[in-house]
Amino acid sequence: LIQVLICVLWLTISPPFPYKNMKYYKEKIILECNVGSAIGFW
């Protein structure tokens, strides 16, 4: 339940979302999930 509570707070404040990463490769788009809140992820 403690982990559930952490996940609920994470999803409420700044949830993960789809992100088009264009920084790593110039010629292609990396479609990835941005963690949203780094604090929530860690």
Full PDB file with SEQRES, HELIX, SHEET, SSBOND, CRYST1, ORIGX, SCALE, CONECT and MASTER records, all heavy atoms in Angstrom:
SEQRES   1 A   42  LEU ILE GLN VAL LEU ILE CYS VAL LEU TRP LEU THR ILE          
SEQRES   2 A   42  SER PRO PRO PHE PRO TYR LYS ASN MET LYS TYR TYR LYS          
SEQRES   3 A   42  GLU LYS ILE ILE LEU GLU CYS ASN VAL GLY SER ALA ILE          
SEQRES   4 A   42  GLY PHE TRP                                                  
HELIX    1 AA1 ILE A    2  ILE A   13  1                                  12    
HELIX    2 AA2 ALA A   38  PHE A   41  1                                   4    
SHEET    1 AA1 2 PHE A  17  ASN A  21  0                                        
SHEET    2 AA1 2 ILE A  30  ASN A  34 -1                                        
CRYST1    1.000    1.000    1.000  90.00  90.00  90.00 P 1           1          
ORIGX1      1.000000  0.000000  0.000000        0.00000                         
ORIGX2      0.000000  1.000000  0.000000        0.00000                         
ORIGX3      0.000000  0.000000  1.000000        0.00000                         
SCALE1      1.000000  0.000000  0.000000        0.00000                         
SCALE2      0.000000  1.000000  0.000000        0.00000                         
SCALE3      0.000000  0.000000  1.000000        0.00000                         
ATOM      1  N   LEU A   1       0.823  -1.211   0.000  1.00  0.00           N  
ATOM      2  CA  LEU A   1       0.000   0.000   0.000  1.00  0.00           C  
ATOM      3  C   LEU A   1       0.859   1.265   0.000  1.00  0.00           C  
ATOM      4  O   LEU A   1       0.465   2.284  -0.574  1.00  0.00           O  
ATOM      5  CB  LEU A   1      -0.942  -0.002   1.212  1.00  0.00           C  
ATOM      6  CG  LEU A   1      -2.155  -0.933   1.103  1.00  0.00           C  
ATOM      7  CD1 LEU A   1      -2.974  -0.918   2.384  1.00  0.00           C  
ATOM      8  CD2 LEU A   1      -3.035  -0.541  -0.083  1.00  0.00           C  
ATOM      9  N   ILE A   2       2.011   1.200   0.635  1.00  0.00           N  
ATOM     10  CA  ILE A   2       2.910   2.360   0.610  1.00  0.00           C  
ATOM     11  C   ILE A   2       3.333   2.670  -0.834  1.00  0.00           C  
ATOM     12  O   ILE A   2       3.342   3.825  -1.267  1.00  0.00           O  
ATOM     13  CB  ILE A   2       4.140   2.098   1.501  1.00  0.00           C  
ATOM     14  CG1 ILE A   2       3.716   2.033   2.976  1.00  0.00           C  
ATOM     15  CG2 ILE A   2       5.196   3.180   1.308  1.00  0.00           C  
ATOM     16  CD1 ILE A   2       4.833   1.625   3.911  1.00  0.00           C  
ATOM     17  N   GLN A   3       3.663   1.596  -1.577  1.00  0.00           N  
ATOM     18  CA  GLN A   3       4.047   1.814  -2.985  1.00  0.00           C  
ATOM     19  C   GLN A   3       2.864   2.317  -3.800  1.00  0.00           C  
ATOM     20  O   GLN A   3       3.027   3.174  -4.680  1.00  0.00           O  
ATOM     21  CB  GLN A   3       4.594   0.510  -3.575  1.00  0.00           C  
ATOM     22  CG  GLN A   3       5.110   0.617  -5.002  1.00  0.00           C  
ATOM     23  CD  GLN A   3       6.427   1.349  -5.114  1.00  0.00           C  
ATOM     24  OE1 GLN A   3       6.565   2.448  -4.591  1.00  0.00           O  
ATOM     25  NE2 GLN A   3       7.400   0.717  -5.759  1.00  0.00           N  
ATOM     26  N   VAL A   4       1.674   1.781  -3.495  1.00  0.00           N  
ATOM     27  CA  VAL A   4       0.475   2.248  -4.193  1.00  0.00           C  
ATOM     28  C   VAL A   4       0.266   3.732  -3.944  1.00  0.00           C  
ATOM     29  O   VAL A   4      -0.065   4.502  -4.861  1.00  0.00           O  
ATOM     30  CB  VAL A   4      -0.755   1.431  -3.755  1.00  0.00           C  
ATOM     31  CG1 VAL A   4      -2.044   2.060  -4.306  1.00  0.00           C  
ATOM     32  CG2 VAL A   4      -0.635  -0.008  -4.225  1.00  0.00           C  
ATOM     33  N   LEU A   5       0.479   4.146  -2.686  1.00  0.00           N  
ATOM     34  CA  LEU A   5       0.314   5.553  -2.346  1.00  0.00           C  
ATOM     35  C   LEU A   5       1.328   6.422  -3.109  1.00  0.00           C  
ATOM     36  O   LEU A   5       0.981   7.486  -3.629  1.00  0.00           O  
ATOM     37  CB  LEU A   5       0.483   5.740  -0.839  1.00  0.00           C  
ATOM     38  CG  LEU A   5       0.357   7.188  -0.314  1.00  0.00           C  
ATOM     39  CD1 LEU A   5      -1.036   7.738  -0.613  1.00  0.00           C  
ATOM     40  CD2 LEU A   5       0.639   7.237   1.187  1.00  0.00           C  
ATOM     41  N   ILE A   6       2.574   5.955  -3.185  1.00  0.00           N  
ATOM     42  CA  ILE A   6       3.600   6.698  -3.933  1.00  0.00           C  
ATOM     43  C   ILE A   6       3.191   6.827  -5.403  1.00  0.00           C  
ATOM     44  O   ILE A   6       3.299   7.902  -6.009  1.00  0.00           O  
ATOM     45  CB  ILE A   6       4.972   5.999  -3.811  1.00  0.00           C  
ATOM     46  CG1 ILE A   6       5.472   6.065  -2.362  1.00  0.00           C  
ATOM     47  CG2 ILE A   6       5.991   6.644  -4.738  1.00  0.00           C  
ATOM     48  CD1 ILE A   6       6.733   5.255  -2.116  1.00  0.00           C  
ATOM     49  N   CYS A   7       2.682   5.735  -5.996  1.00  0.00           N  
ATOM     50  CA  CYS A   7       2.277   5.764  -7.410  1.00  0.00           C  
ATOM     51  C   CYS A   7       1.092   6.683  -7.639  1.00  0.00           C  
ATOM     52  O   CYS A   7       1.033   7.398  -8.661  1.00  0.00           O  
ATOM     53  CB  CYS A   7       1.936   4.342  -7.880  1.00  0.00           C  
ATOM     54  SG  CYS A   7       3.381   3.261  -8.009  1.00  0.00           S  
ATOM     55  N   VAL A   8       0.134   6.689  -6.667  1.00  0.00           N  
ATOM     56  CA  VAL A   8      -1.027   7.573  -6.817  1.00  0.00           C  
ATOM     57  C   VAL A   8      -0.597   9.037  -6.793  1.00  0.00           C  
ATOM     58  O   VAL A   8      -1.050   9.859  -7.609  1.00  0.00           O  
ATOM     59  CB  VAL A   8      -2.062   7.281  -5.710  1.00  0.00           C  
ATOM     60  CG1 VAL A   8      -3.151   8.357  -5.687  1.00  0.00           C  
ATOM     61  CG2 VAL A   8      -2.699   5.917  -5.927  1.00  0.00           C  
ATOM     62  N   LEU A   9       0.298   9.373  -5.864  1.00  0.00           N  
ATOM     63  CA  LEU A   9       0.807  10.745  -5.812  1.00  0.00           C  
ATOM     64  C   LEU A   9       1.554  11.103  -7.097  1.00  0.00           C  
ATOM     65  O   LEU A   9       1.430  12.217  -7.629  1.00  0.00           O  
ATOM     66  CB  LEU A   9       1.728  10.905  -4.599  1.00  0.00           C  
ATOM     67  CG  LEU A   9       1.040  10.872  -3.225  1.00  0.00           C  
ATOM     68  CD1 LEU A   9       2.080  10.887  -2.122  1.00  0.00           C  
ATOM     69  CD2 LEU A   9       0.090  12.048  -3.076  1.00  0.00           C  
ATOM     70  N   TRP A  10       2.328  10.158  -7.590  1.00  0.00           N  
ATOM     71  CA  TRP A  10       3.092  10.378  -8.834  1.00  0.00           C  
ATOM     72  C   TRP A  10       2.157  10.663 -10.016  1.00  0.00           C  
ATOM     73  O   TRP A  10       2.333  11.617 -10.764  1.00  0.00           O  
ATOM     74  CB  TRP A  10       3.967   9.149  -9.093  1.00  0.00           C  
ATOM     75  CG  TRP A  10       4.852   9.251 -10.305  1.00  0.00           C  
ATOM     76  CD1 TRP A  10       5.179  10.357 -11.002  1.00  0.00           C  
ATOM     77  CD2 TRP A  10       5.512   8.164 -10.946  1.00  0.00           C  
ATOM     78  NE1 TRP A  10       6.014  10.055 -12.047  1.00  0.00           N  
ATOM     79  CE2 TRP A  10       6.239   8.699 -12.040  1.00  0.00           C  
ATOM     80  CE3 TRP A  10       5.584   6.795 -10.713  1.00  0.00           C  
ATOM     81  CZ2 TRP A  10       7.007   7.911 -12.887  1.00  0.00           C  
ATOM     82  CZ3 TRP A  10       6.347   6.010 -11.546  1.00  0.00           C  
ATOM     83  CH2 TRP A  10       7.062   6.561 -12.636  1.00  0.00           C  
ATOM     84  N   LEU A  11       1.112   9.799 -10.139  1.00  0.00           N  
ATOM     85  CA  LEU A  11       0.174   9.961 -11.255  1.00  0.00           C  
ATOM     86  C   LEU A  11      -0.676  11.214 -11.106  1.00  0.00           C  
ATOM     87  O   LEU A  11      -1.130  11.787 -12.101  1.00  0.00           O  
ATOM     88  CB  LEU A  11      -0.730   8.731 -11.360  1.00  0.00           C  
ATOM     89  CG  LEU A  11      -0.047   7.405 -11.702  1.00  0.00           C  
ATOM     90  CD1 LEU A  11      -1.064   6.270 -11.724  1.00  0.00           C  
ATOM     91  CD2 LEU A  11       0.646   7.500 -13.047  1.00  0.00           C  
ATOM     92  N   THR A  12      -0.880  11.650  -9.885  1.00  0.00           N  
ATOM     93  CA  THR A  12      -1.703  12.839  -9.650  1.00  0.00           C  
ATOM     94  C   THR A  12      -0.929  14.119  -9.948  1.00  0.00           C  
ATOM     95  O   THR A  12      -1.438  15.049 -10.594  1.00  0.00           O  
ATOM     96  CB  THR A  12      -2.212  12.864  -8.203  1.00  0.00           C  
ATOM     97  OG1 THR A  12      -2.942  11.663  -7.943  1.00  0.00           O  
ATOM     98  CG2 THR A  12      -3.105  14.075  -7.962  1.00  0.00           C  
ATOM     99  N   ILE A  13       0.310  14.171  -9.476  1.00  0.00           N  
ATOM    100  CA  ILE A  13       1.099  15.409  -9.584  1.00  0.00           C  
ATOM    101  C   ILE A  13       1.700  15.559 -10.984  1.00  0.00           C  
ATOM    102  O   ILE A  13       1.492  16.567 -11.666  1.00  0.00           O  
ATOM    103  CB  ILE A  13       2.201  15.430  -8.514  1.00  0.00           C  
ATOM    104  CG1 ILE A  13       1.565  15.435  -7.123  1.00  0.00           C  
ATOM    105  CG2 ILE A  13       3.108  16.652  -8.699  1.00  0.00           C  
ATOM    106  CD1 ILE A  13       2.551  15.264  -5.995  1.00  0.00           C  
ATOM    107  N   SER A  14       2.447  14.574 -11.435  1.00  0.00           N  
ATOM    108  CA  SER A  14       3.107  14.660 -12.750  1.00  0.00           C  
ATOM    109  C   SER A  14       3.290  13.259 -13.305  1.00  0.00           C  
ATOM    110  O   SER A  14       4.343  12.637 -13.131  1.00  0.00           O  
ATOM    111  CB  SER A  14       4.455  15.372 -12.622  1.00  0.00           C  
ATOM    112  OG  SER A  14       5.089  15.470 -13.874  1.00  0.00           O  
ATOM    113  N   PRO A  15       2.269  12.738 -13.996  1.00  0.00           N  
ATOM    114  CA  PRO A  15       2.334  11.348 -14.456  1.00  0.00           C  
ATOM    115  C   PRO A  15       3.249  11.186 -15.664  1.00  0.00           C  
ATOM    116  O   PRO A  15       3.562  12.159 -16.356  1.00  0.00           O  
ATOM    117  CB  PRO A  15       0.879  11.057 -14.836  1.00  0.00           C  
ATOM    118  CG  PRO A  15       0.337  12.384 -15.257  1.00  0.00           C  
ATOM    119  CD  PRO A  15       1.007  13.390 -14.375  1.00  0.00           C  
ATOM    120  N   PRO A  16       3.679   9.972 -15.944  1.00  0.00           N  
ATOM    121  CA  PRO A  16       4.441   9.712 -17.176  1.00  0.00           C  
ATOM    122  C   PRO A  16       3.571   9.988 -18.402  1.00  0.00           C  
ATOM    123  O   PRO A  16       2.339   9.877 -18.351  1.00  0.00           O  
ATOM    124  CB  PRO A  16       4.798   8.228 -17.068  1.00  0.00           C  
ATOM    125  CG  PRO A  16       4.668   7.896 -15.622  1.00  0.00           C  
ATOM    126  CD  PRO A  16       3.570   8.766 -15.102  1.00  0.00           C  
ATOM    127  N   PHE A  17       4.224  10.332 -19.514  1.00  0.00           N  
ATOM    128  CA  PHE A  17       3.498  10.661 -20.741  1.00  0.00           C  
ATOM    129  C   PHE A  17       4.367  10.321 -21.946  1.00  0.00           C  
ATOM    130  O   PHE A  17       5.601  10.252 -21.836  1.00  0.00           O  
ATOM    131  CB  PHE A  17       3.118  12.148 -20.757  1.00  0.00           C  
ATOM    132  CG  PHE A  17       4.291  13.073 -20.672  1.00  0.00           C  
ATOM    133  CD1 PHE A  17       4.952  13.525 -21.816  1.00  0.00           C  
ATOM    134  CD2 PHE A  17       4.763  13.499 -19.431  1.00  0.00           C  
ATOM    135  CE1 PHE A  17       6.033  14.389 -21.729  1.00  0.00           C  
ATOM    136  CE2 PHE A  17       5.857  14.361 -19.339  1.00  0.00           C  
ATOM    137  CZ  PHE A  17       6.493  14.803 -20.491  1.00  0.00           C  
ATOM    138  N   PRO A  18       3.718  10.087 -23.113  1.00  0.00           N  
ATOM    139  CA  PRO A  18       4.499   9.792 -24.325  1.00  0.00           C  
ATOM    140  C   PRO A  18       5.331  11.020 -24.715  1.00  0.00           C  
ATOM    141  O   PRO A  18       4.861  12.153 -24.638  1.00  0.00           O  
ATOM    142  CB  PRO A  18       3.441   9.490 -25.384  1.00  0.00           C  
ATOM    143  CG  PRO A  18       2.185   9.231 -24.633  1.00  0.00           C  
ATOM    144  CD  PRO A  18       2.278  10.004 -23.373  1.00  0.00           C  
ATOM    145  N   TYR A  19       6.544  10.777 -25.165  1.00  0.00           N  
ATOM    146  CA  TYR A  19       7.467  11.876 -25.464  1.00  0.00           C  
ATOM    147  C   TYR A  19       8.265  11.536 -26.713  1.00  0.00           C  
ATOM    148  O   TYR A  19       8.776  10.418 -26.855  1.00  0.00           O  
ATOM    149  CB  TYR A  19       8.401  12.093 -24.270  1.00  0.00           C  
ATOM    150  CG  TYR A  19       9.533  13.053 -24.540  1.00  0.00           C  
ATOM    151  CD1 TYR A  19       9.299  14.398 -24.774  1.00  0.00           C  
ATOM    152  CD2 TYR A  19      10.852  12.606 -24.552  1.00  0.00           C  
ATOM    153  CE1 TYR A  19      10.341  15.286 -25.015  1.00  0.00           C  
ATOM    154  CE2 TYR A  19      11.902  13.486 -24.789  1.00  0.00           C  
ATOM    155  CZ  TYR A  19      11.641  14.819 -25.017  1.00  0.00           C  
ATOM    156  OH  TYR A  19      12.675  15.686 -25.256  1.00  0.00           O  
ATOM    157  N   LYS A  20       8.340  12.534 -27.626  1.00  0.00           N  
ATOM    158  CA  LYS A  20       9.141  12.369 -28.838  1.00  0.00           C  
ATOM    159  C   LYS A  20      10.540  12.914 -28.586  1.00  0.00           C  
ATOM    160  O   LYS A  20      10.763  14.123 -28.607  1.00  0.00           O  
ATOM    161  CB  LYS A  20       8.494  13.095 -30.015  1.00  0.00           C  
ATOM    162  CG  LYS A  20       7.153  12.512 -30.429  1.00  0.00           C  
ATOM    163  CD  LYS A  20       6.552  13.307 -31.570  1.00  0.00           C  
ATOM    164  CE  LYS A  20       5.209  12.712 -32.007  1.00  0.00           C  
ATOM    165  NZ  LYS A  20       4.605  13.474 -33.114  1.00  0.00           N  
ATOM    166  N   ASN A  21      11.448  12.020 -28.348  1.00  0.00           N  
ATOM    167  CA  ASN A  21      12.827  12.409 -28.051  1.00  0.00           C  
ATOM    168  C   ASN A  21      13.580  12.647 -29.362  1.00  0.00           C  
ATOM    169  O   ASN A  21      13.839  11.715 -30.122  1.00  0.00           O  
ATOM    170  CB  ASN A  21      13.508  11.318 -27.225  1.00  0.00           C  
ATOM    171  CG  ASN A  21      14.862  11.751 -26.708  1.00  0.00           C  
ATOM    172  OD1 ASN A  21      15.457  12.706 -27.205  1.00  0.00           O  
ATOM    173  ND2 ASN A  21      15.362  11.058 -25.702  1.00  0.00           N  
ATOM    174  N   MET A  22      13.934  13.906 -29.632  1.00  0.00           N  
ATOM    175  CA  MET A  22      14.665  14.247 -30.857  1.00  0.00           C  
ATOM    176  C   MET A  22      16.098  14.675 -30.572  1.00  0.00           C  
ATOM    177  O   MET A  22      16.799  15.147 -31.469  1.00  0.00           O  
ATOM    178  CB  MET A  22      13.931  15.373 -31.597  1.00  0.00           C  
ATOM    179  CG  MET A  22      12.486  15.064 -31.905  1.00  0.00           C  
ATOM    180  SD  MET A  22      11.687  16.467 -32.705  1.00  0.00           S  
ATOM    181  CE  MET A  22       9.957  15.995 -32.541  1.00  0.00           C  
ATOM    182  N   LYS A  23      16.520  14.545 -29.327  1.00  0.00           N  
ATOM    183  CA  LYS A  23      17.848  15.012 -28.945  1.00  0.00           C  
ATOM    184  C   LYS A  23      18.918  13.962 -29.154  1.00  0.00           C  
ATOM    185  O   LYS A  23      20.047  14.290 -29.515  1.00  0.00           O  
ATOM    186  CB  LYS A  23      17.831  15.460 -27.479  1.00  0.00           C  
ATOM    187  CG  LYS A  23      16.893  16.627 -27.206  1.00  0.00           C  
ATOM    188  CD  LYS A  23      16.897  17.009 -25.734  1.00  0.00           C  
ATOM    189  CE  LYS A  23      15.957  18.175 -25.462  1.00  0.00           C  
ATOM    190  NZ  LYS A  23      15.914  18.535 -24.022  1.00  0.00           N  
ATOM    191  N   TYR A  24      18.582  12.706 -28.907  1.00  0.00           N  
ATOM    192  CA  TYR A  24      19.619  11.675 -28.954  1.00  0.00           C  
ATOM    193  C   TYR A  24      20.040  11.384 -30.387  1.00  0.00           C  
ATOM    194  O   TYR A  24      21.221  11.337 -30.713  1.00  0.00           O  
ATOM    195  CB  TYR A  24      19.114  10.397 -28.272  1.00  0.00           C  
ATOM    196  CG  TYR A  24      20.243   9.480 -27.849  1.00  0.00           C  
ATOM    197  CD1 TYR A  24      20.801   9.588 -26.585  1.00  0.00           C  
ATOM    198  CD2 TYR A  24      20.768   8.549 -28.718  1.00  0.00           C  
ATOM    199  CE1 TYR A  24      21.848   8.779 -26.199  1.00  0.00           C  
ATOM    200  CE2 TYR A  24      21.820   7.729 -28.347  1.00  0.00           C  
ATOM    201  CZ  TYR A  24      22.353   7.848 -27.088  1.00  0.00           C  
ATOM    202  OH  TYR A  24      23.396   7.053 -26.720  1.00  0.00           O  
ATOM    203  N   TYR A  25      19.044  11.183 -31.259  1.00  0.00           N  
ATOM    204  CA  TYR A  25      19.313  10.971 -32.683  1.00  0.00           C  
ATOM    205  C   TYR A  25      18.752  12.154 -33.449  1.00  0.00           C  
ATOM    206  O   TYR A  25      17.610  12.557 -33.240  1.00  0.00           O  
ATOM    207  CB  TYR A  25      18.657   9.686 -33.186  1.00  0.00           C  
ATOM    208  CG  TYR A  25      19.243   8.413 -32.642  1.00  0.00           C  
ATOM    209  CD1 TYR A  25      18.518   7.632 -31.751  1.00  0.00           C  
ATOM    210  CD2 TYR A  25      20.506   7.987 -33.010  1.00  0.00           C  
ATOM    211  CE1 TYR A  25      19.050   6.457 -31.248  1.00  0.00           C  
ATOM    212  CE2 TYR A  25      21.046   6.821 -32.511  1.00  0.00           C  
ATOM    213  CZ  TYR A  25      20.314   6.056 -31.627  1.00  0.00           C  
ATOM    214  OH  TYR A  25      20.853   4.904 -31.140  1.00  0.00           O  
ATOM    215  N   LYS A  26      19.534  12.715 -34.373  1.00  0.00           N  
ATOM    216  CA  LYS A  26      19.056  13.819 -35.182  1.00  0.00           C  
ATOM    217  C   LYS A  26      18.160  13.346 -36.317  1.00  0.00           C  
ATOM    218  O   LYS A  26      17.273  14.055 -36.756  1.00  0.00           O  
ATOM    219  CB  LYS A  26      20.237  14.596 -35.756  1.00  0.00           C  
ATOM    220  CG  LYS A  26      21.065  15.315 -34.706  1.00  0.00           C  
ATOM    221  CD  LYS A  26      22.205  16.091 -35.350  1.00  0.00           C  
ATOM    222  CE  LYS A  26      23.022  16.844 -34.309  1.00  0.00           C  
ATOM    223  NZ  LYS A  26      24.147  17.593 -34.922  1.00  0.00           N  
ATOM    224  N   GLU A  27      18.418  12.115 -36.794  1.00  0.00           N  
ATOM    225  CA  GLU A  27      17.723  11.655 -37.986  1.00  0.00           C  
ATOM    226  C   GLU A  27      16.457  10.861 -37.693  1.00  0.00           C  
ATOM    227  O   GLU A  27      15.732  10.487 -38.605  1.00  0.00           O  
ATOM    228  CB  GLU A  27      18.667  10.816 -38.850  1.00  0.00           C  
ATOM    229  CG  GLU A  27      19.008   9.442 -38.287  1.00  0.00           C  
ATOM    230  CD  GLU A  27      20.110   9.470 -37.251  1.00  0.00           C  
ATOM    231  OE1 GLU A  27      20.529  10.581 -36.849  1.00  0.00           O  
ATOM    232  OE2 GLU A  27      20.548   8.390 -36.822  1.00  0.00           O  
ATOM    233  N   LYS A  28      16.201  10.569 -36.425  1.00  0.00           N  
ATOM    234  CA  LYS A  28      14.984   9.826 -36.093  1.00  0.00           C  
ATOM    235  C   LYS A  28      14.442  10.261 -34.744  1.00  0.00           C  
ATOM    236  O   LYS A  28      15.147  10.871 -33.929  1.00  0.00           O  
ATOM    237  CB  LYS A  28      15.240   8.322 -36.123  1.00  0.00           C  
ATOM    238  CG  LYS A  28      16.351   7.830 -35.214  1.00  0.00           C  
ATOM    239  CD  LYS A  28      16.585   6.342 -35.424  1.00  0.00           C  
ATOM    240  CE  LYS A  28      17.770   5.837 -34.600  1.00  0.00           C  
ATOM    241  NZ  LYS A  28      18.033   4.410 -34.827  1.00  0.00           N  
ATOM    242  N   ILE A  29      13.173   9.934 -34.531  1.00  0.00           N  
ATOM    243  CA  ILE A  29      12.474  10.295 -33.302  1.00  0.00           C  
ATOM    244  C   ILE A  29      12.365   9.055 -32.426  1.00  0.00           C  
ATOM    245  O   ILE A  29      11.917   7.996 -32.881  1.00  0.00           O  
ATOM    246  CB  ILE A  29      11.065  10.845 -33.610  1.00  0.00           C  
ATOM    247  CG1 ILE A  29      11.172  12.104 -34.475  1.00  0.00           C  
ATOM    248  CG2 ILE A  29      10.304  11.135 -32.335  1.00  0.00           C  
ATOM    249  CD1 ILE A  29       9.836  12.625 -34.955  1.00  0.00           C  
ATOM    250  N   ILE A  30      12.818   9.168 -31.190  1.00  0.00           N  
ATOM    251  CA  ILE A  30      12.663   8.077 -30.224  1.00  0.00           C  
ATOM    252  C   ILE A  30      11.353   8.319 -29.493  1.00  0.00           C  
ATOM    253  O   ILE A  30      11.211   9.290 -28.753  1.00  0.00           O  
ATOM    254  CB  ILE A  30      13.831   8.032 -29.224  1.00  0.00           C  
ATOM    255  CG1 ILE A  30      15.163   7.961 -29.972  1.00  0.00           C  
ATOM    256  CG2 ILE A  30      13.672   6.847 -28.285  1.00  0.00           C  
ATOM    257  CD1 ILE A  30      15.321   6.754 -30.837  1.00  0.00           C  
ATOM    258  N   LEU A  31      10.392   7.446 -29.723  1.00  0.00           N  
ATOM    259  CA  LEU A  31       9.106   7.552 -29.042  1.00  0.00           C  
ATOM    260  C   LEU A  31       9.217   6.790 -27.733  1.00  0.00           C  
ATOM    261  O   LEU A  31       9.341   5.560 -27.723  1.00  0.00           O  
ATOM    262  CB  LEU A  31       7.996   6.977 -29.923  1.00  0.00           C  
ATOM    263  CG  LEU A  31       6.567   7.405 -29.580  1.00  0.00           C  
ATOM    264  CD1 LEU A  31       6.418   8.904 -29.625  1.00  0.00           C  
ATOM    265  CD2 LEU A  31       5.578   6.760 -30.536  1.00  0.00           C  
ATOM    266  N   GLU A  32       9.220   7.517 -26.634  1.00  0.00           N  
ATOM    267  CA  GLU A  32       9.442   6.902 -25.334  1.00  0.00           C  
ATOM    268  C   GLU A  32       8.486   7.500 -24.321  1.00  0.00           C  
ATOM    269  O   GLU A  32       7.745   8.439 -24.620  1.00  0.00           O  
ATOM    270  CB  GLU A  32      10.889   7.115 -24.886  1.00  0.00           C  
ATOM    271  CG  GLU A  32      11.283   8.572 -24.785  1.00  0.00           C  
ATOM    272  CD  GLU A  32      12.757   8.764 -24.491  1.00  0.00           C  
ATOM    273  OE1 GLU A  32      13.524   7.800 -24.683  1.00  0.00           O  
ATOM    274  OE2 GLU A  32      13.138   9.873 -24.065  1.00  0.00           O  
ATOM    275  N   CYS A  33       8.541   6.933 -23.134  1.00  0.00           N  
ATOM    276  CA  CYS A  33       7.719   7.451 -22.047  1.00  0.00           C  
ATOM    277  C   CYS A  33       8.569   8.338 -21.158  1.00  0.00           C  
ATOM    278  O   CYS A  33       9.567   7.883 -20.591  1.00  0.00           O  
ATOM    279  CB  CYS A  33       7.126   6.304 -21.220  1.00  0.00           C  
ATOM    280  SG  CYS A  33       5.779   5.428 -22.048  1.00  0.00           S  
ATOM    281  N   ASN A  34       8.187   9.571 -21.060  1.00  0.00           N  
ATOM    282  CA  ASN A  34       8.840  10.467 -20.117  1.00  0.00           C  
ATOM    283  C   ASN A  34       8.273  10.199 -18.733  1.00  0.00           C  
ATOM    284  O   ASN A  34       7.062  10.069 -18.570  1.00  0.00           O  
ATOM    285  CB  ASN A  34       8.600  11.917 -20.536  1.00  0.00           C  
ATOM    286  CG  ASN A  34       9.414  12.899 -19.737  1.00  0.00           C  
ATOM    287  OD1 ASN A  34       9.237  13.040 -18.538  1.00  0.00           O  
ATOM    288  ND2 ASN A  34      10.304  13.598 -20.419  1.00  0.00           N  
ATOM    289  N   VAL A  35       9.143  10.112 -17.748  1.00  0.00           N  
ATOM    290  CA  VAL A  35       8.688   9.721 -16.404  1.00  0.00           C  
ATOM    291  C   VAL A  35       7.860  10.806 -15.750  1.00  0.00           C  
ATOM    292  O   VAL A  35       7.243  10.568 -14.706  1.00  0.00           O  
ATOM    293  CB  VAL A  35       9.888   9.362 -15.502  1.00  0.00           C  
ATOM    294  CG1 VAL A  35      10.598   8.140 -16.035  1.00  0.00           C  
ATOM    295  CG2 VAL A  35      10.846  10.531 -15.361  1.00  0.00           C  
ATOM    296  N   GLY A  36       7.785  11.982 -16.360  1.00  0.00           N  
ATOM    297  CA  GLY A  36       7.029  13.061 -15.744  1.00  0.00           C  
ATOM    298  C   GLY A  36       7.796  13.627 -14.568  1.00  0.00           C  
ATOM    299  O   GLY A  36       8.737  14.396 -14.727  1.00  0.00           O  
ATOM    300  N   SER A  37       7.441  13.196 -13.383  1.00  0.00           N  
ATOM    301  CA  SER A  37       8.144  13.620 -12.177  1.00  0.00           C  
ATOM    302  C   SER A  37       9.307  12.670 -11.921  1.00  0.00           C  
ATOM    303  O   SER A  37       9.104  11.475 -11.658  1.00  0.00           O  
ATOM    304  CB  SER A  37       7.193  13.626 -10.979  1.00  0.00           C  
ATOM    305  OG  SER A  37       7.910  13.851  -9.793  1.00  0.00           O  
ATOM    306  N   ALA A  38      10.519  13.188 -11.998  1.00  0.00           N  
ATOM    307  CA  ALA A  38      11.695  12.355 -11.719  1.00  0.00           C  
ATOM    308  C   ALA A  38      11.700  11.909 -10.265  1.00  0.00           C  
ATOM    309  O   ALA A  38      12.150  10.796  -9.940  1.00  0.00           O  
ATOM    310  CB  ALA A  38      12.967  13.137 -12.048  1.00  0.00           C  
ATOM    311  N   ILE A  39      11.181  12.770  -9.382  1.00  0.00           N  
ATOM    312  CA  ILE A  39      11.119  12.408  -7.951  1.00  0.00           C  
ATOM    313  C   ILE A  39      10.214  11.202  -7.753  1.00  0.00           C  
ATOM    314  O   ILE A  39      10.538  10.264  -7.014  1.00  0.00           O  
ATOM    315  CB  ILE A  39      10.627  13.613  -7.123  1.00  0.00           C  
ATOM    316  CG1 ILE A  39      11.637  14.759  -7.220  1.00  0.00           C  
ATOM    317  CG2 ILE A  39      10.402  13.213  -5.668  1.00  0.00           C  
ATOM    318  CD1 ILE A  39      11.180  16.039  -6.547  1.00  0.00           C  
ATOM    319  N   GLY A  40       9.064  11.200  -8.447  1.00  0.00           N  
ATOM    320  CA  GLY A  40       8.150  10.064  -8.334  1.00  0.00           C  
ATOM    321  C   GLY A  40       8.776   8.785  -8.855  1.00  0.00           C  
ATOM    322  O   GLY A  40       8.640   7.715  -8.231  1.00  0.00           O  
ATOM    323  N   PHE A  41       9.469   8.890  -9.985  1.00  0.00           N  
ATOM    324  CA  PHE A  41      10.101   7.702 -10.572  1.00  0.00           C  
ATOM    325  C   PHE A  41      11.165   7.120  -9.642  1.00  0.00           C  
ATOM    326  O   PHE A  41      11.190   5.917  -9.359  1.00  0.00           O  
ATOM    327  CB  PHE A  41      10.712   8.082 -11.919  1.00  0.00           C  
ATOM    328  CG  PHE A  41      11.489   6.976 -12.578  1.00  0.00           C  
ATOM    329  CD1 PHE A  41      10.845   5.873 -13.111  1.00  0.00           C  
ATOM    330  CD2 PHE A  41      12.869   7.042 -12.654  1.00  0.00           C  
ATOM    331  CE1 PHE A  41      11.567   4.852 -13.720  1.00  0.00           C  
ATOM    332  CE2 PHE A  41      13.599   6.031 -13.270  1.00  0.00           C  
ATOM    333  CZ  PHE A  41      12.950   4.937 -13.793  1.00  0.00           C  
ATOM    334  N   TRP A  42      12.048   7.980  -9.137  1.00  0.00           N  
ATOM    335  CA  TRP A  42      13.116   7.479  -8.281  1.00  0.00           C  
ATOM    336  C   TRP A  42      12.593   7.103  -6.897  1.00  0.00           C  
ATOM    337  O   TRP A  42      13.205   6.251  -6.212  1.00  0.00           O  
ATOM    338  CB  TRP A  42      14.237   8.514  -8.164  1.00  0.00           C  
ATOM    339  CG  TRP A  42      14.982   8.670  -9.459  1.00  0.00           C  
ATOM    340  CD1 TRP A  42      14.960   9.712 -10.305  1.00  0.00           C  
ATOM    341  CD2 TRP A  42      15.836   7.688 -10.054  1.00  0.00           C  
ATOM    342  NE1 TRP A  42      15.739   9.490 -11.415  1.00  0.00           N  
ATOM    343  CE2 TRP A  42      16.304   8.231 -11.277  1.00  0.00           C  
ATOM    344  CE3 TRP A  42      16.256   6.404  -9.695  1.00  0.00           C  
ATOM    345  CZ2 TRP A  42      17.157   7.549 -12.128  1.00  0.00           C  
ATOM    346  CZ3 TRP A  42      17.114   5.720 -10.543  1.00  0.00           C  
ATOM    347  CH2 TRP A  42      17.562   6.289 -11.743  1.00  0.00           C  
TER     348      TRP A  42                                                      
MASTER        0    0    0    2    2    0    0    6  347    1    0    4          
END                                                                             
